[in-house]
Amino acid sequence: MYSDKVVIVTGASQGIGNALARAYREQGATVVGFDLHQPATGDMDFYSVDLGKPEMIEAAFDSIARQYGTAHILINNGAISQFNKPVAELTAAEFSRVIDVNLSGSFNCAREFIRHHSDKQYGRIINIASTRWHQNEPGWEAYGASKGGLVSLTNTLAISLAQTPITVNAISPGWIQTEDYDQLTLQDHRQHPSGRVGKPRDIVNTCLFLTHEENDFINGANIVVDGGMAKKMIYL
């Protein structure tokens, strides 16, 4: 069903992003991946893009427009999370870098996607947020703020694009194990109400659902995919 669609996935080299790129290729789509490093797997047209640099994003979208005419789906998945540290040790530059990549990068990709979009019947933007947008652990201020901003950006974009065929939704993953799944413990799985830790395929399935042509009435939503953990009251 995606054989006539061009899908852009940011952060496509590994983890959830690579799983998304491969899944849409399996569905027949033309996939364009953004990342800093070339992916080892996934048949895609690849652009080396630092999401914190708007000029690189603009250049990539201009090139995509020249090659394909229009892109139909944008999945803002690319993000950095390495600056999780005590707040007193988090520098202003580190905080800004996370916001620049995770939030501003997603906005700049969305802006360019919208600017070049020419399909009068169909368009989808999906922002991969995180359950850390509303619940967190100590030391995740930058990442949590970036994902909270991404959910808010989703809300506003859905309203701003109401006169277009583009819907905008967010997905907030919980614990999604992207490698060494067989190394997880029974406790890791059992603490989830669904009885297991998440897999990239759980996010893939949600994206495929949201980008289905018939699902244009789901707009401005934030779908939590966390095995029920956000609903669990935990007493230490």
Protein backbone atom coordinates (compact mmCIF):
# COMPACT_ATOMS: atom_id res chain seq x y z
CA MET A 1 0.00 0.00 0.00
CA TYR A 2 3.03 2.31 0.23
CA SER A 3 4.47 1.62 -3.21
CA ASP A 4 3.69 5.17 -4.35
CA LYS A 5 4.86 6.86 -1.15
CA VAL A 6 8.13 8.58 -0.21
CA VAL A 7 8.90 8.23 3.49
CA ILE A 8 11.53 10.26 5.36
CA VAL A 9 12.84 8.76 8.61
CA THR A 10 15.28 10.70 10.78
CA GLY A 11 17.68 8.77 12.98
CA ALA A 12 17.45 5.91 10.49
CA SER A 13 20.82 4.27 11.05
CA GLN A 14 19.98 2.16 14.08
CA GLY A 15 17.39 1.23 16.68
CA ILE A 16 13.78 2.23 16.18
CA GLY A 17 14.60 4.43 13.19
CA ASN A 18 16.29 1.62 11.29
CA ALA A 19 13.40 -0.72 12.08
CA LEU A 20 10.99 1.89 10.71
CA ALA A 21 13.02 2.37 7.54
CA ARG A 22 13.15 -1.38 6.89
CA ALA A 23 9.45 -1.82 7.58
CA TYR A 24 8.38 0.85 5.11
CA ARG A 25 10.73 -0.60 2.49
CA GLU A 26 9.07 -3.98 3.03
CA GLN A 27 5.75 -2.22 2.39
CA GLY A 28 7.06 -0.98 -0.96
CA ALA A 29 7.79 2.64 -0.04
CA THR A 30 10.74 4.70 -1.18
CA VAL A 31 12.58 5.45 2.06
CA VAL A 32 14.92 8.38 2.68
CA GLY A 33 16.98 8.21 5.86
CA PHE A 34 18.66 11.04 7.76
CA ASP A 35 21.42 10.34 10.27
CA LEU A 36 25.03 11.18 11.05
CA HIS A 37 26.34 7.79 9.93
CA GLN A 38 25.42 5.46 7.07
CA PRO A 39 23.19 2.60 8.25
CA ALA A 40 24.50 -0.95 8.01
CA THR A 41 21.06 -2.29 7.08
CA GLY A 42 17.98 -0.93 5.37
CA ASP A 43 17.61 -0.25 1.65
CA MET A 44 17.19 3.51 1.59
CA ASP A 45 18.33 6.75 0.03
CA PHE A 46 20.60 8.16 2.75
CA TYR A 47 21.57 11.72 3.69
CA SER A 48 24.19 12.52 6.31
CA VAL A 49 22.39 15.19 8.33
CA ASP A 50 23.07 16.75 11.72
CA LEU A 51 19.56 17.59 12.92
CA GLY A 52 20.97 20.43 14.99
CA LYS A 53 22.00 22.28 11.81
CA PRO A 54 19.04 23.78 9.90
CA GLU A 55 21.08 24.38 6.76
CA MET A 56 21.80 20.64 6.42
CA ILE A 57 18.11 19.85 6.81
CA GLU A 58 17.14 22.43 4.20
CA ALA A 59 19.71 21.14 1.73
CA ALA A 60 18.53 17.54 2.15
CA PHE A 61 14.87 18.44 1.62
CA ASP A 62 15.72 20.53 -1.44
CA SER A 63 17.54 17.52 -2.89
CA ILE A 64 14.63 15.19 -2.08
CA ALA A 65 12.21 17.58 -3.78
CA ARG A 66 14.35 17.65 -6.91
CA GLN A 67 14.61 13.86 -6.99
CA TYR A 68 11.13 12.74 -5.94
CA GLY A 69 8.90 15.77 -6.29
CA THR A 70 7.23 15.38 -2.91
CA ALA A 71 7.55 13.33 0.25
CA HIS A 72 4.38 11.89 1.75
CA ILE A 73 5.43 10.80 5.25
CA LEU A 74 7.88 12.33 7.73
CA ILE A 75 8.83 10.41 10.87
CA ASN A 76 10.80 12.60 13.26
CA ASN A 77 12.65 9.90 15.17
CA GLY A 78 16.20 11.25 15.40
CA ALA A 79 17.28 12.29 18.89
CA ILE A 80 20.19 12.36 21.32
CA SER A 81 19.97 11.38 24.98
CA GLN A 82 23.57 11.12 26.22
CA PHE A 83 23.47 14.19 28.47
CA ASN A 84 21.60 12.55 31.33
CA LYS A 85 23.44 13.80 34.41
CA PRO A 86 22.76 15.72 37.65
CA VAL A 87 21.19 19.05 36.81
CA ALA A 88 24.00 21.02 38.48
CA GLU A 89 26.47 19.32 36.14
CA LEU A 90 24.45 19.82 32.96
CA THR A 91 25.95 22.69 31.01
CA ALA A 92 23.96 25.25 29.09
CA ALA A 93 25.65 24.07 25.89
CA GLU A 94 24.66 20.45 26.53
CA PHE A 95 21.06 21.39 27.27
CA SER A 96 20.90 23.51 24.12
CA ARG A 97 22.39 20.72 22.00
CA VAL A 98 19.62 18.31 23.06
CA ILE A 99 16.92 20.89 22.35
CA ASP A 100 18.54 21.82 19.02
CA VAL A 101 18.59 18.22 17.80
CA ASN A 102 15.48 16.69 19.37
CA LEU A 103 13.04 19.58 19.24
CA SER A 104 14.34 22.24 16.84
CA GLY A 105 15.53 19.51 14.45
CA SER A 106 12.05 18.00 14.38
CA PHE A 107 10.48 21.42 13.81
CA ASN A 108 12.89 22.24 11.00
CA CYS A 109 12.23 18.89 9.32
CA ALA A 110 8.48 19.43 9.64
CA ARG A 111 8.76 22.95 8.24
CA GLU A 112 10.71 21.76 5.20
CA PHE A 113 8.38 18.79 4.71
CA ILE A 114 5.38 21.14 4.72
CA ARG A 115 7.10 23.65 2.45
CA HIS A 116 7.80 21.01 -0.20
CA HIS A 117 4.62 18.97 0.23
CA SER A 118 2.41 19.00 -2.88
CA ASP A 119 0.09 15.97 -2.53
CA LYS A 120 -3.43 17.40 -2.26
CA GLN A 121 -4.94 14.25 -0.75
CA TYR A 122 -2.46 12.76 1.70
CA GLY A 123 0.34 13.61 4.14
CA ARG A 124 1.56 12.38 7.51
CA ILE A 125 3.95 13.70 10.15
CA ILE A 126 4.76 11.47 13.12
CA ASN A 127 6.89 12.76 15.98
CA ILE A 128 8.56 10.09 18.10
CA ALA A 129 8.41 11.55 21.60
CA SER A 130 8.84 9.54 24.83
CA THR A 131 7.00 8.71 28.02
CA ARG A 132 9.68 10.92 29.60
CA TRP A 133 7.67 13.89 28.39
CA HIS A 134 5.43 13.51 31.48
CA GLN A 135 7.24 11.15 33.88
CA ASN A 136 10.93 10.83 34.44
CA GLU A 137 13.97 9.91 36.50
CA PRO A 138 16.54 12.30 38.01
CA GLY A 139 19.01 13.80 35.58
CA TRP A 140 16.94 13.73 32.39
CA GLU A 141 16.00 17.44 32.27
CA ALA A 142 17.25 18.10 28.73
CA TYR A 143 15.81 14.99 27.14
CA GLY A 144 12.50 15.27 29.01
CA ALA A 145 12.13 18.93 28.07
CA SER A 146 12.84 18.18 24.41
CA LYS A 147 10.23 15.43 24.30
CA GLY A 148 7.65 17.52 26.15
CA GLY A 149 8.23 20.24 23.59
CA LEU A 150 7.77 17.71 20.81
CA VAL A 151 4.35 16.69 22.12
CA SER A 152 3.34 20.36 22.32
CA LEU A 153 4.68 20.94 18.81
CA THR A 154 2.52 18.05 17.61
CA ASN A 155 -0.57 19.67 19.11
CA THR A 156 0.04 23.02 17.44
CA LEU A 157 1.09 21.65 14.05
CA ALA A 158 -2.11 19.61 13.85
CA ILE A 159 -4.11 22.82 14.23
CA SER A 160 -1.89 24.88 11.93
CA LEU A 161 -2.24 22.30 9.16
CA ALA A 162 -6.01 21.87 9.51
CA GLN A 163 -6.59 23.20 5.99
CA THR A 164 -4.15 20.68 4.48
CA PRO A 165 -4.28 16.89 4.04
CA ILE A 166 -1.39 16.49 6.49
CA THR A 167 -2.15 14.95 9.88
CA VAL A 168 0.33 15.28 12.75
CA ASN A 169 0.57 12.80 15.61
CA ALA A 170 3.09 11.81 18.27
CA ILE A 171 4.09 8.40 19.58
CA SER A 172 5.57 8.18 23.08
CA PRO A 173 7.51 4.94 23.50
CA GLY A 174 8.33 3.55 26.91
CA TRP A 175 11.05 0.94 27.33
CA ILE A 176 11.81 -0.28 23.82
CA GLN A 177 14.75 -2.67 23.76
CA THR A 178 16.51 -2.33 20.42
CA GLU A 179 19.21 -5.00 20.92
CA ASP A 180 20.10 -7.99 23.13
CA TYR A 181 16.43 -8.62 23.90
CA ASP A 182 17.24 -12.15 25.09
CA GLN A 183 19.48 -10.70 27.81
CA LEU A 184 16.55 -9.10 29.64
CA THR A 185 15.50 -10.58 32.95
CA LEU A 186 12.15 -12.03 33.97
CA GLN A 187 11.76 -9.04 36.31
CA ASP A 188 12.32 -6.66 33.39
CA HIS A 189 9.38 -8.22 31.58
CA ARG A 190 7.06 -8.88 34.53
CA GLN A 191 7.09 -5.28 35.77
CA HIS A 192 5.21 -4.29 32.62
CA PRO A 193 1.42 -4.76 32.76
CA SER A 194 1.67 -6.25 29.26
CA GLY A 195 4.14 -8.82 30.60
CA ARG A 196 7.10 -7.93 28.40
CA VAL A 197 9.54 -5.19 27.45
CA GLY A 198 8.77 -3.40 24.20
CA LYS A 199 10.35 -4.10 20.83
CA PRO A 200 10.95 -1.77 17.86
CA ARG A 201 8.15 -3.58 16.05
CA ASP A 202 5.68 -2.11 18.57
CA ILE A 203 6.56 1.38 17.34
CA VAL A 204 6.63 0.23 13.72
CA ASN A 205 3.09 -1.14 14.03
CA THR A 206 1.85 2.13 15.50
CA CYS A 207 3.45 4.16 12.73
CA LEU A 208 2.00 1.92 10.02
CA PHE A 209 -1.42 2.35 11.63
CA LEU A 210 -1.17 6.14 11.78
CA THR A 211 0.11 6.50 8.23
CA HIS A 212 -2.61 4.32 6.71
CA GLU A 213 -4.53 6.38 4.19
CA GLU A 214 -7.86 5.70 5.90
CA ASN A 215 -6.63 6.96 9.29
CA ASP A 216 -7.00 10.67 8.65
CA PHE A 217 -9.33 11.26 11.61
CA ILE A 218 -6.54 10.61 14.12
CA ASN A 219 -4.90 14.01 14.39
CA GLY A 220 -3.03 15.80 17.18
CA ALA A 221 -2.87 12.60 19.25
CA ASN A 222 -0.03 11.38 21.45
CA ILE A 223 -0.15 7.58 21.54
CA VAL A 224 1.69 6.06 24.48
CA VAL A 225 3.28 2.70 23.66
CA ASP A 226 4.78 1.48 26.92
CA GLY A 227 3.14 -1.79 27.89
CA GLY A 228 0.96 0.03 30.42
CA MET A 229 3.79 1.33 32.61
CA ALA A 230 2.51 4.92 32.62
CA LYS A 231 -0.69 3.68 34.33
CA LYS A 232 1.11 1.72 37.03
CA MET A 233 1.35 3.14 40.57
CA ILE A 234 4.69 2.07 42.00
CA TYR A 235 5.43 2.27 45.74
CA LEU A 236 9.07 1.92 46.75
